[in-house]
């Protein structure tokens, strides 16, 4: 059996916000097609429409039975980790405690997300580390006391806790600082918008940083988010690429090395490049208008996933 797992993303709304029924069909069809997981993009505030991801995950929990789900990634420093621990323990319960809830956290791409929540941007890094510590303590047992720099409480119990024990916590980001965080206290690495060569280099650095910390991150405990659009229409592929380029300004060659946009064969080739670099877990994040979202994952499920099954 293949060890490669392919999930999908949800939440980039530059092309419009899908209605609730489309959101439900998106998750239901993903499950029907054998897609491994759904990862939700986290934006607390902003000019583009966005949804609270815990609310959407609760909706998915009610409409699906098997597919896994998690944040991509949760801006943990902007939130109280006690409340986050409670929310994700509740989601674990609502999905039957079957391991369907996954946790991935990071600083957040935009420091203004934290600033809007009263957290100075320079505190994001240390708050992230302490926040992960708090999550693990509260998920592991009752009567937790924590005396940290940012969070302090005594004899706190969350019930129910995750049925299988503390959730694994993957760390997002692709900088050296992010890799050092993964090596020090992460269970896995979850970068986005990187090339296969950058993934390979990151895994080499992660092994070296882990050795310095006396920890090992297994090669299978890493996954990549790839912005994706499958189409045989060359003009449409170019239009989507330009849309992404406007948001992430890079030289055209560098930009295209980070995307899977084009025909099914071209997208398969892009994913295979990451497989050759040692990656086994993927999130294909569709760049599509609301009316095209379900059609996109139909293509992922029929044209891409079977090539790696």
C-alpha atoms as a PDB file:
ATOM      1  CA  UNK A   1       0.000   0.000   0.000  1.00  0.00           C
ATOM      2  CA  UNK A   2       1.240   3.482  -0.845  1.00  0.00           C
ATOM      3  CA  UNK A   3       2.381   5.679   2.033  1.00  0.00           C
ATOM      4  CA  UNK A   4       1.504   8.833   0.085  1.00  0.00           C
ATOM      5  CA  UNK A   5      -1.449  10.805   1.415  1.00  0.00           C
ATOM      6  CA  UNK A   6      -3.175  13.573  -0.513  1.00  0.00           C
ATOM      7  CA  UNK A   7      -5.503  16.050   1.126  1.00  0.00           C
ATOM      8  CA  UNK A   8      -7.156  19.266  -0.009  1.00  0.00           C
ATOM      9  CA  UNK A   9      -7.300  22.814   1.309  1.00  0.00           C
ATOM     10  CA  UNK A  10     -10.200  25.121   1.991  1.00  0.00           C
ATOM     11  CA  UNK A  11     -10.476  28.816   2.744  1.00  0.00           C
ATOM     12  CA  UNK A  12      -8.672  30.994   0.179  1.00  0.00           C
ATOM     13  CA  UNK A  13     -11.560  33.271  -0.763  1.00  0.00           C
ATOM     14  CA  UNK A  14     -10.045  35.786  -3.163  1.00  0.00           C
ATOM     15  CA  UNK A  15     -12.397  34.488  -5.865  1.00  0.00           C
ATOM     16  CA  UNK A  16     -15.463  34.584  -3.621  1.00  0.00           C
ATOM     17  CA  UNK A  17     -17.054  32.866  -0.639  1.00  0.00           C
ATOM     18  CA  UNK A  18     -18.908  29.595  -1.304  1.00  0.00           C
ATOM     19  CA  UNK A  19     -22.375  29.227   0.170  1.00  0.00           C
ATOM     20  CA  UNK A  20     -22.944  26.780   3.065  1.00  0.00           C
ATOM     21  CA  UNK A  21     -24.324  24.015   0.850  1.00  0.00           C
ATOM     22  CA  UNK A  22     -21.280  24.181  -1.444  1.00  0.00           C
ATOM     23  CA  UNK A  23     -19.010  24.000   1.603  1.00  0.00           C
ATOM     24  CA  UNK A  24     -20.795  20.847   2.761  1.00  0.00           C
ATOM     25  CA  UNK A  25     -20.706  19.245  -0.695  1.00  0.00           C
ATOM     26  CA  UNK A  26     -17.007  20.020  -0.891  1.00  0.00           C
ATOM     27  CA  UNK A  27     -16.288  17.939   2.212  1.00  0.00           C
ATOM     28  CA  UNK A  28     -18.732  15.185   1.315  1.00  0.00           C
ATOM     29  CA  UNK A  29     -17.364  14.703  -2.197  1.00  0.00           C
ATOM     30  CA  UNK A  30     -13.790  14.776  -0.892  1.00  0.00           C
ATOM     31  CA  UNK A  31     -14.642  11.894   1.416  1.00  0.00           C
ATOM     32  CA  UNK A  32     -16.431   9.990  -1.361  1.00  0.00           C
ATOM     33  CA  UNK A  33     -13.385  10.382  -3.620  1.00  0.00           C
ATOM     34  CA  UNK A  34     -10.996   8.922  -1.056  1.00  0.00           C
ATOM     35  CA  UNK A  35      -9.166  12.189  -0.353  1.00  0.00           C
ATOM     36  CA  UNK A  36      -7.250  11.839   2.906  1.00  0.00           C
ATOM     37  CA  UNK A  37      -7.888  15.149   4.678  1.00  0.00           C
ATOM     38  CA  UNK A  38      -9.141  18.741   4.520  1.00  0.00           C
ATOM     39  CA  UNK A  39      -6.970  21.614   5.755  1.00  0.00           C
ATOM     40  CA  UNK A  40      -8.527  24.985   6.498  1.00  0.00           C
ATOM     41  CA  UNK A  41      -6.740  28.281   5.978  1.00  0.00           C
ATOM     42  CA  UNK A  42      -6.878  30.447   9.113  1.00  0.00           C
ATOM     43  CA  UNK A  43      -7.513  34.206   8.869  1.00  0.00           C
ATOM     44  CA  UNK A  44      -8.933  36.006  11.885  1.00  0.00           C
ATOM     45  CA  UNK A  45      -9.350  39.455  10.297  1.00  0.00           C
ATOM     46  CA  UNK A  46      -8.880  40.880   6.811  1.00  0.00           C
ATOM     47  CA  UNK A  47     -10.549  42.523   3.846  1.00  0.00           C
ATOM     48  CA  UNK A  48     -11.214  39.209   2.087  1.00  0.00           C
ATOM     49  CA  UNK A  49     -14.109  37.110   3.415  1.00  0.00           C
ATOM     50  CA  UNK A  50     -13.136  34.226   5.676  1.00  0.00           C
ATOM     51  CA  UNK A  51     -14.828  31.840   8.091  1.00  0.00           C
ATOM     52  CA  UNK A  52     -13.879  30.715  11.573  1.00  0.00           C
ATOM     53  CA  UNK A  53     -12.219  27.395  10.903  1.00  0.00           C
ATOM     54  CA  UNK A  54     -13.373  25.652  14.087  1.00  0.00           C
ATOM     55  CA  UNK A  55     -16.991  26.357  13.083  1.00  0.00           C
ATOM     56  CA  UNK A  56     -16.351  24.931   9.607  1.00  0.00           C
ATOM     57  CA  UNK A  57     -14.647  21.848  11.065  1.00  0.00           C
ATOM     58  CA  UNK A  58     -17.701  21.250  13.278  1.00  0.00           C
ATOM     59  CA  UNK A  59     -19.852  21.441  10.143  1.00  0.00           C
ATOM     60  CA  UNK A  60     -17.572  18.959   8.374  1.00  0.00           C
ATOM     61  CA  UNK A  61     -17.715  16.664  11.405  1.00  0.00           C
ATOM     62  CA  UNK A  62     -21.505  16.563  11.092  1.00  0.00           C
ATOM     63  CA  UNK A  63     -21.489  15.847   7.343  1.00  0.00           C
ATOM     64  CA  UNK A  64     -18.636  13.313   7.037  1.00  0.00           C
ATOM     65  CA  UNK A  65     -17.524  10.115   8.751  1.00  0.00           C
ATOM     66  CA  UNK A  66     -13.917   9.343   7.797  1.00  0.00           C
ATOM     67  CA  UNK A  67     -12.004  12.261   6.335  1.00  0.00           C
ATOM     68  CA  UNK A  68      -9.410  13.914   8.592  1.00  0.00           C
ATOM     69  CA  UNK A  69      -9.240  17.672   9.086  1.00  0.00           C
ATOM     70  CA  UNK A  70      -7.080  20.367  10.616  1.00  0.00           C
ATOM     71  CA  UNK A  71      -5.937  24.001  10.371  1.00  0.00           C
ATOM     72  CA  UNK A  72      -3.416  25.091   7.762  1.00  0.00           C
ATOM     73  CA  UNK A  73      -2.107  26.529   9.971  1.00  0.00           C
ATOM     74  CA  UNK A  74      -3.705  27.916  13.151  1.00  0.00           C
ATOM     75  CA  UNK A  75      -2.315  31.291  14.214  1.00  0.00           C
ATOM     76  CA  UNK A  76      -1.816  30.097  17.766  1.00  0.00           C
ATOM     77  CA  UNK A  77      -0.074  33.191  19.222  1.00  0.00           C
ATOM     78  CA  UNK A  78      -3.211  35.244  18.516  1.00  0.00           C
ATOM     79  CA  UNK A  79      -5.340  32.946  20.692  1.00  0.00           C
ATOM     80  CA  UNK A  80      -5.620  31.800  24.283  1.00  0.00           C
ATOM     81  CA  UNK A  81      -4.222  28.231  24.204  1.00  0.00           C
ATOM     82  CA  UNK A  82      -6.637  27.095  26.948  1.00  0.00           C
ATOM     83  CA  UNK A  83      -9.566  27.952  24.700  1.00  0.00           C
ATOM     84  CA  UNK A  84      -7.819  26.331  21.707  1.00  0.00           C
ATOM     85  CA  UNK A  85      -7.247  23.157  23.731  1.00  0.00           C
ATOM     86  CA  UNK A  86     -10.944  23.043  24.627  1.00  0.00           C
ATOM     87  CA  UNK A  87     -12.110  23.692  21.059  1.00  0.00           C
ATOM     88  CA  UNK A  88      -9.983  20.990  19.459  1.00  0.00           C
ATOM     89  CA  UNK A  89     -10.701  18.470  22.202  1.00  0.00           C
ATOM     90  CA  UNK A  90     -14.400  19.111  21.496  1.00  0.00           C
ATOM     91  CA  UNK A  91     -13.851  18.568  17.765  1.00  0.00           C
ATOM     92  CA  UNK A  92     -12.081  15.303  18.564  1.00  0.00           C
ATOM     93  CA  UNK A  93     -15.135  14.222  20.558  1.00  0.00           C
ATOM     94  CA  UNK A  94     -17.561  15.266  17.801  1.00  0.00           C
ATOM     95  CA  UNK A  95     -15.631  13.157  15.280  1.00  0.00           C
ATOM     96  CA  UNK A  96     -15.783  10.091  17.505  1.00  0.00           C
ATOM     97  CA  UNK A  97     -12.270  10.319  18.943  1.00  0.00           C
ATOM     98  CA  UNK A  98     -11.042   8.400  15.902  1.00  0.00           C
ATOM     99  CA  UNK A  99      -7.973  10.487  15.106  1.00  0.00           C
ATOM    100  CA  UNK A 100      -9.679  12.627  12.484  1.00  0.00           C
ATOM    101  CA  UNK A 101      -8.609  15.920  14.085  1.00  0.00           C
ATOM    102  CA  UNK A 102      -5.062  17.080  13.359  1.00  0.00           C
ATOM    103  CA  UNK A 103      -3.350  20.158  14.765  1.00  0.00           C
ATOM    104  CA  UNK A 104      -0.939  22.397  12.868  1.00  0.00           C
ATOM    105  CA  UNK A 105       0.116  25.776  14.209  1.00  0.00           C
ATOM    106  CA  UNK A 106       2.343  28.675  13.242  1.00  0.00           C
ATOM    107  CA  UNK A 107       3.069  32.351  13.678  1.00  0.00           C
ATOM    108  CA  UNK A 108       0.654  33.385  10.942  1.00  0.00           C
ATOM    109  CA  UNK A 109       1.805  34.898   7.668  1.00  0.00           C
ATOM    110  CA  UNK A 110       0.580  38.387   8.554  1.00  0.00           C
ATOM    111  CA  UNK A 111       1.680  39.856  11.932  1.00  0.00           C
ATOM    112  CA  UNK A 112      -1.396  42.096  11.874  1.00  0.00           C
ATOM    113  CA  UNK A 113      -3.534  39.046  12.757  1.00  0.00           C
ATOM    114  CA  UNK A 114      -1.838  38.932  16.163  1.00  0.00           C
ATOM    115  CA  UNK A 115      -1.749  42.704  16.534  1.00  0.00           C
ATOM    116  CA  UNK A 116      -5.535  42.846  16.075  1.00  0.00           C
ATOM    117  CA  UNK A 117      -5.848  40.393  18.981  1.00  0.00           C
ATOM    118  CA  UNK A 118      -3.661  42.465  21.286  1.00  0.00           C
ATOM    119  CA  UNK A 119      -0.450  40.465  20.811  1.00  0.00           C
ATOM    120  CA  UNK A 120       2.706  42.386  19.842  1.00  0.00           C
ATOM    121  CA  UNK A 121       4.301  40.836  16.730  1.00  0.00           C
ATOM    122  CA  UNK A 122       7.638  40.372  18.529  1.00  0.00           C
ATOM    123  CA  UNK A 123       5.925  38.031  21.019  1.00  0.00           C
ATOM    124  CA  UNK A 124       4.649  35.636  18.371  1.00  0.00           C
ATOM    125  CA  UNK A 125       7.576  33.219  18.522  1.00  0.00           C
ATOM    126  CA  UNK A 126       7.774  32.713  22.296  1.00  0.00           C
ATOM    127  CA  UNK A 127       3.973  32.657  22.606  1.00  0.00           C
ATOM    128  CA  UNK A 128       3.816  29.935  19.965  1.00  0.00           C
ATOM    129  CA  UNK A 129       6.256  27.731  21.870  1.00  0.00           C
ATOM    130  CA  UNK A 130       4.575  28.246  25.230  1.00  0.00           C
ATOM    131  CA  UNK A 131       1.141  27.815  23.650  1.00  0.00           C
ATOM    132  CA  UNK A 132       2.083  24.387  22.273  1.00  0.00           C
ATOM    133  CA  UNK A 133       3.294  23.403  25.751  1.00  0.00           C
ATOM    134  CA  UNK A 134      -0.061  24.442  27.218  1.00  0.00           C
ATOM    135  CA  UNK A 135      -2.026  22.465  24.620  1.00  0.00           C
ATOM    136  CA  UNK A 136      -0.102  19.287  25.305  1.00  0.00           C
ATOM    137  CA  UNK A 137      -0.488  19.586  29.075  1.00  0.00           C
ATOM    138  CA  UNK A 138      -4.240  20.168  28.921  1.00  0.00           C
ATOM    139  CA  UNK A 139      -4.797  17.335  26.453  1.00  0.00           C
ATOM    140  CA  UNK A 140      -2.699  14.887  28.462  1.00  0.00           C
ATOM    141  CA  UNK A 141      -4.356  14.921  31.886  1.00  0.00           C
ATOM    142  CA  UNK A 142      -6.449  16.672  34.573  1.00  0.00           C
ATOM    143  CA  UNK A 143      -5.601  19.298  37.192  1.00  0.00           C
ATOM    144  CA  UNK A 144      -3.009  21.123  35.104  1.00  0.00           C
ATOM    145  CA  UNK A 145      -0.993  23.982  36.558  1.00  0.00           C
ATOM    146  CA  UNK A 146       1.109  26.161  34.306  1.00  0.00           C
ATOM    147  CA  UNK A 147       3.317  29.089  35.304  1.00  0.00           C
ATOM    148  CA  UNK A 148       4.795  30.569  32.127  1.00  0.00           C
ATOM    149  CA  UNK A 149       5.746  33.987  30.858  1.00  0.00           C
ATOM    150  CA  UNK A 150       2.494  34.546  28.953  1.00  0.00           C
ATOM    151  CA  UNK A 151       0.027  31.994  30.367  1.00  0.00           C
ATOM    152  CA  UNK A 152      -0.643  31.164  34.024  1.00  0.00           C
ATOM    153  CA  UNK A 153      -3.336  29.003  35.592  1.00  0.00           C
ATOM    154  CA  UNK A 154      -3.784  26.432  38.347  1.00  0.00           C
ATOM    155  CA  UNK A 155      -5.656  23.112  38.581  1.00  0.00           C
ATOM    156  CA  UNK A 156      -7.346  23.391  35.181  1.00  0.00           C
ATOM    157  CA  UNK A 157      -9.066  20.356  33.684  1.00  0.00           C
ATOM    158  CA  UNK A 158     -10.515  19.946  30.203  1.00  0.00           C
ATOM    159  CA  UNK A 159     -13.080  17.179  29.773  1.00  0.00           C
ATOM    160  CA  UNK A 160     -13.460  15.375  27.465  1.00  0.00           C
ATOM    161  CA  UNK A 161      -9.847  15.302  26.355  1.00  0.00           C
ATOM    162  CA  UNK A 162      -8.745  13.850  22.991  1.00  0.00           C
ATOM    163  CA  UNK A 163      -9.591  10.154  23.095  1.00  0.00           C
ATOM    164  CA  UNK A 164      -6.175   9.010  21.890  1.00  0.00           C
ATOM    165  CA  UNK A 165      -4.150  11.363  24.065  1.00  0.00           C
ATOM    166  CA  UNK A 166      -2.556  14.688  23.193  1.00  0.00           C
ATOM    167  CA  UNK A 167      -2.925  15.558  19.509  1.00  0.00           C
ATOM    168  CA  UNK A 168       0.245  15.715  17.442  1.00  0.00           C
ATOM    169  CA  UNK A 169       1.210  19.323  16.734  1.00  0.00           C
ATOM    170  CA  UNK A 170       2.806  20.145  13.407  1.00  0.00           C
ATOM    171  CA  UNK A 171       4.571  23.470  12.919  1.00  0.00           C
ATOM    172  CA  UNK A 172       4.152  25.605   9.809  1.00  0.00           C
ATOM    173  CA  UNK A 173       6.684  27.870   8.097  1.00  0.00           C
ATOM    174  CA  UNK A 174       9.702  27.428   5.862  1.00  0.00           C
ATOM    175  CA  UNK A 175      12.327  29.729   7.388  1.00  0.00           C
ATOM    176  CA  UNK A 176      15.324  28.526   9.373  1.00  0.00           C
ATOM    177  CA  UNK A 177      13.607  29.847  12.503  1.00  0.00           C
ATOM    178  CA  UNK A 178      10.519  27.741  11.730  1.00  0.00           C
ATOM    179  CA  UNK A 179      12.655  24.651  11.174  1.00  0.00           C
ATOM    180  CA  UNK A 180      14.363  25.204  14.522  1.00  0.00           C
ATOM    181  CA  UNK A 181      10.943  25.390  16.162  1.00  0.00           C
ATOM    182  CA  UNK A 182       9.949  22.096  14.576  1.00  0.00           C
ATOM    183  CA  UNK A 183      13.193  20.500  15.745  1.00  0.00           C
ATOM    184  CA  UNK A 184      12.754  21.770  19.318  1.00  0.00           C
ATOM    185  CA  UNK A 185       9.088  21.055  20.002  1.00  0.00           C
ATOM    186  CA  UNK A 186       7.133  20.047  16.868  1.00  0.00           C
ATOM    187  CA  UNK A 187       5.759  16.639  15.947  1.00  0.00           C
ATOM    188  CA  UNK A 188       6.011  17.431  12.246  1.00  0.00           C
ATOM    189  CA  UNK A 189       6.733  20.101   9.642  1.00  0.00           C
ATOM    190  CA  UNK A 190       4.029  21.703   7.481  1.00  0.00           C
ATOM    191  CA  UNK A 191       5.408  24.249   4.969  1.00  0.00           C
ATOM    192  CA  UNK A 192       3.645  25.854   2.039  1.00  0.00           C
ATOM    193  CA  UNK A 193       4.680  27.582  -1.177  1.00  0.00           C
ATOM    194  CA  UNK A 194       8.055  25.861  -1.421  1.00  0.00           C
ATOM    195  CA  UNK A 195       9.801  23.968  -4.234  1.00  0.00           C
ATOM    196  CA  UNK A 196      10.826  20.305  -4.103  1.00  0.00           C
ATOM    197  CA  UNK A 197      14.467  21.352  -3.709  1.00  0.00           C
ATOM    198  CA  UNK A 198      13.509  23.615  -0.804  1.00  0.00           C
ATOM    199  CA  UNK A 199      11.624  20.734   0.791  1.00  0.00           C
ATOM    200  CA  UNK A 200      14.649  18.460   0.493  1.00  0.00           C
ATOM    201  CA  UNK A 201      16.935  21.154   1.895  1.00  0.00           C
ATOM    202  CA  UNK A 202      14.496  21.821   4.736  1.00  0.00           C
ATOM    203  CA  UNK A 203      14.423  18.153   5.713  1.00  0.00           C
ATOM    204  CA  UNK A 204      18.239  18.085   5.776  1.00  0.00           C
ATOM    205  CA  UNK A 205      18.276  21.151   8.033  1.00  0.00           C
ATOM    206  CA  UNK A 206      15.559  19.652  10.216  1.00  0.00           C
ATOM    207  CA  UNK A 207      17.652  16.534  10.737  1.00  0.00           C
ATOM    208  CA  UNK A 208      20.658  18.657  11.732  1.00  0.00           C
ATOM    209  CA  UNK A 209      18.668  20.927  14.063  1.00  0.00           C
ATOM    210  CA  UNK A 210      16.972  17.900  15.584  1.00  0.00           C
ATOM    211  CA  UNK A 211      20.328  16.315  16.328  1.00  0.00           C
ATOM    212  CA  UNK A 212      21.319  19.489  18.205  1.00  0.00           C
ATOM    213  CA  UNK A 213      18.136  19.217  20.282  1.00  0.00           C
ATOM    214  CA  UNK A 214      18.360  15.468  20.776  1.00  0.00           C
ATOM    215  CA  UNK A 215      15.161  14.924  18.772  1.00  0.00           C
ATOM    216  CA  UNK A 216      14.319  13.185  15.509  1.00  0.00           C
ATOM    217  CA  UNK A 217      11.530  14.251  13.155  1.00  0.00           C
ATOM    218  CA  UNK A 218      10.710  11.247  11.009  1.00  0.00           C
ATOM    219  CA  UNK A 219      10.765  11.870   7.237  1.00  0.00           C
ATOM    220  CA  UNK A 220       7.093  10.885   7.022  1.00  0.00           C
ATOM    221  CA  UNK A 221       6.135  13.590   9.515  1.00  0.00           C
ATOM    222  CA  UNK A 222       6.237  16.390   6.976  1.00  0.00           C
ATOM    223  CA  UNK A 223       3.754  17.616   4.402  1.00  0.00           C
ATOM    224  CA  UNK A 224       3.565  20.341   1.766  1.00  0.00           C
ATOM    225  CA  UNK A 225       0.712  22.692   0.818  1.00  0.00           C
ATOM    226  CA  UNK A 226       0.597  23.222  -2.968  1.00  0.00           C
ATOM    227  CA  UNK A 227      -1.656  25.838  -4.565  1.00  0.00           C
ATOM    228  CA  UNK A 228      -3.411  23.943  -7.352  1.00  0.00           C
ATOM    229  CA  UNK A 229      -5.767  24.317 -10.292  1.00  0.00           C
ATOM    230  CA  UNK A 230      -6.346  21.505 -12.780  1.00  0.00           C
ATOM    231  CA  UNK A 231      -7.392  22.564 -16.279  1.00  0.00           C
ATOM    232  CA  UNK A 232      -6.621  21.742 -19.899  1.00  0.00           C
ATOM    233  CA  UNK A 233      -7.453  25.334 -20.837  1.00  0.00           C
ATOM    234  CA  UNK A 234      -4.066  27.059 -21.247  1.00  0.00           C
ATOM    235  CA  UNK A 235      -5.584  30.535 -21.019  1.00  0.00           C
ATOM    236  CA  UNK A 236      -7.341  29.626 -17.778  1.00  0.00           C
ATOM    237  CA  UNK A 237      -4.133  28.172 -16.333  1.00  0.00           C
ATOM    238  CA  UNK A 238      -2.311  31.399 -17.186  1.00  0.00           C
ATOM    239  CA  UNK A 239      -5.065  33.478 -15.590  1.00  0.00           C
ATOM    240  CA  UNK A 240      -4.911  31.476 -12.358  1.00  0.00           C
ATOM    241  CA  UNK A 241      -1.103  31.684 -12.287  1.00  0.00           C
ATOM    242  CA  UNK A 242      -1.275  35.474 -12.663  1.00  0.00           C
ATOM    243  CA  UNK A 243      -3.787  35.654  -9.815  1.00  0.00           C
ATOM    244  CA  UNK A 244      -1.416  33.747  -7.526  1.00  0.00           C
ATOM    245  CA  UNK A 245       1.528  35.841  -8.716  1.00  0.00           C
ATOM    246  CA  UNK A 246      -0.291  39.036  -7.730  1.00  0.00           C
ATOM    247  CA  UNK A 247      -0.569  37.721  -4.181  1.00  0.00           C
ATOM    248  CA  UNK A 248       2.900  36.181  -3.965  1.00  0.00           C
ATOM    249  CA  UNK A 249       5.211  38.312  -6.134  1.00  0.00           C
ATOM    250  CA  UNK A 250       8.041  36.172  -7.509  1.00  0.00           C
ATOM    251  CA  UNK A 251       9.881  35.740 -10.774  1.00  0.00           C
ATOM    252  CA  UNK A 252       7.727  33.650 -13.154  1.00  0.00           C
ATOM    253  CA  UNK A 253      10.070  30.652 -13.131  1.00  0.00           C
ATOM    254  CA  UNK A 254      10.294  30.657  -9.327  1.00  0.00           C
ATOM    255  CA  UNK A 255       6.528  31.062  -9.020  1.00  0.00           C
ATOM    256  CA  UNK A 256       5.665  28.173 -11.321  1.00  0.00           C
ATOM    257  CA  UNK A 257       8.100  25.868  -9.509  1.00  0.00           C
ATOM    258  CA  UNK A 258       5.878  26.221  -6.414  1.00  0.00           C
ATOM    259  CA  UNK A 259       2.478  25.647  -8.023  1.00  0.00           C
ATOM    260  CA  UNK A 260       0.564  22.772  -9.570  1.00  0.00           C
ATOM    261  CA  UNK A 261      -1.467  24.577 -12.222  1.00  0.00           C
ATOM    262  CA  UNK A 262      -2.228  23.077 -15.612  1.00  0.00           C
ATOM    263  CA  UNK A 263      -3.367  19.799 -17.123  1.00  0.00           C
ATOM    264  CA  UNK A 264      -3.778  16.663 -14.973  1.00  0.00           C
ATOM    265  CA  UNK A 265      -0.500  15.308 -16.373  1.00  0.00           C
ATOM    266  CA  UNK A 266       1.324  18.541 -15.510  1.00  0.00           C
ATOM    267  CA  UNK A 267      -0.046  18.566 -11.977  1.00  0.00           C
ATOM    268  CA  UNK A 268       0.865  14.907 -11.479  1.00  0.00           C
ATOM    269  CA  UNK A 269       4.391  15.709 -12.616  1.00  0.00           C
ATOM    270  CA  UNK A 270       4.602  18.557 -10.099  1.00  0.00           C
ATOM    271  CA  UNK A 271       3.465  16.345  -7.230  1.00  0.00           C
ATOM    272  CA  UNK A 272       5.872  13.620  -8.311  1.00  0.00           C
ATOM    273  CA  UNK A 273       8.717  16.119  -8.034  1.00  0.00           C
ATOM    274  CA  UNK A 274       7.963  16.452  -4.317  1.00  0.00           C
ATOM    275  CA  UNK A 275       7.650  12.680  -3.967  1.00  0.00           C
ATOM    276  CA  UNK A 276      11.117  12.340  -5.502  1.00  0.00           C
ATOM    277  CA  UNK A 277      12.346  14.867  -2.909  1.00  0.00           C
ATOM    278  CA  UNK A 278      11.055  12.602  -0.133  1.00  0.00           C
ATOM    279  CA  UNK A 279       7.651  14.112   0.614  1.00  0.00           C
ATOM    280  CA  UNK A 280       4.762  11.714   1.304  1.00  0.00           C
ATOM    281  CA  UNK A 281       1.964  14.051   2.461  1.00  0.00           C
ATOM    282  CA  UNK A 282       0.347  16.740   0.327  1.00  0.00           C
ATOM    283  CA  UNK A 283      -2.411  19.312   0.515  1.00  0.00           C
ATOM    284  CA  UNK A 284      -3.665  20.387  -2.910  1.00  0.00           C
ATOM    285  CA  UNK A 285      -5.153  23.811  -2.188  1.00  0.00           C
ATOM    286  CA  UNK A 286      -7.587  24.755  -4.979  1.00  0.00           C
ATOM    287  CA  UNK A 287      -7.438  28.243  -6.429  1.00  0.00           C
ATOM    288  CA  UNK A 288     -10.956  28.386  -7.829  1.00  0.00           C
ATOM    289  CA  UNK A 289     -14.189  30.346  -7.796  1.00  0.00           C
ATOM    290  CA  UNK A 290     -16.894  28.965  -5.462  1.00  0.00           C
ATOM    291  CA  UNK A 291     -18.811  27.363  -8.329  1.00  0.00           C
ATOM    292  CA  UNK A 292     -15.671  25.494  -9.411  1.00  0.00           C
ATOM    293  CA  UNK A 293     -14.520  24.147  -6.045  1.00  0.00           C
ATOM    294  CA  UNK A 294     -16.345  20.830  -6.145  1.00  0.00           C
ATOM    295  CA  UNK A 295     -15.420  20.309  -9.806  1.00  0.00           C
ATOM    296  CA  UNK A 296     -11.756  20.871  -8.901  1.00  0.00           C
ATOM    297  CA  UNK A 297     -11.691  18.187  -6.230  1.00  0.00           C
ATOM    298  CA  UNK A 298     -13.532  15.836  -8.582  1.00  0.00           C
ATOM    299  CA  UNK A 299     -10.524  16.235 -10.867  1.00  0.00           C
ATOM    300  CA  UNK A 300      -8.073  15.735  -7.996  1.00  0.00           C
ATOM    301  CA  UNK A 301      -9.874  12.563  -6.920  1.00  0.00           C
ATOM    302  CA  UNK A 302     -10.189  11.092 -10.422  1.00  0.00           C
ATOM    303  CA  UNK A 303      -7.036  12.302 -12.142  1.00  0.00           C
ATOM    304  CA  UNK A 304      -4.336  12.822  -9.488  1.00  0.00           C
ATOM    305  CA  UNK A 305      -4.951  10.730  -6.360  1.00  0.00           C
ATOM    306  CA  UNK A 306      -5.092   7.371  -8.239  1.00  0.00           C
ATOM    307  CA  UNK A 307      -1.579   7.927  -9.594  1.00  0.00           C
ATOM    308  CA  UNK A 308      -0.208   7.879  -6.048  1.00  0.00           C
ATOM    309  CA  UNK A 309      -2.491   5.290  -4.473  1.00  0.00           C
END
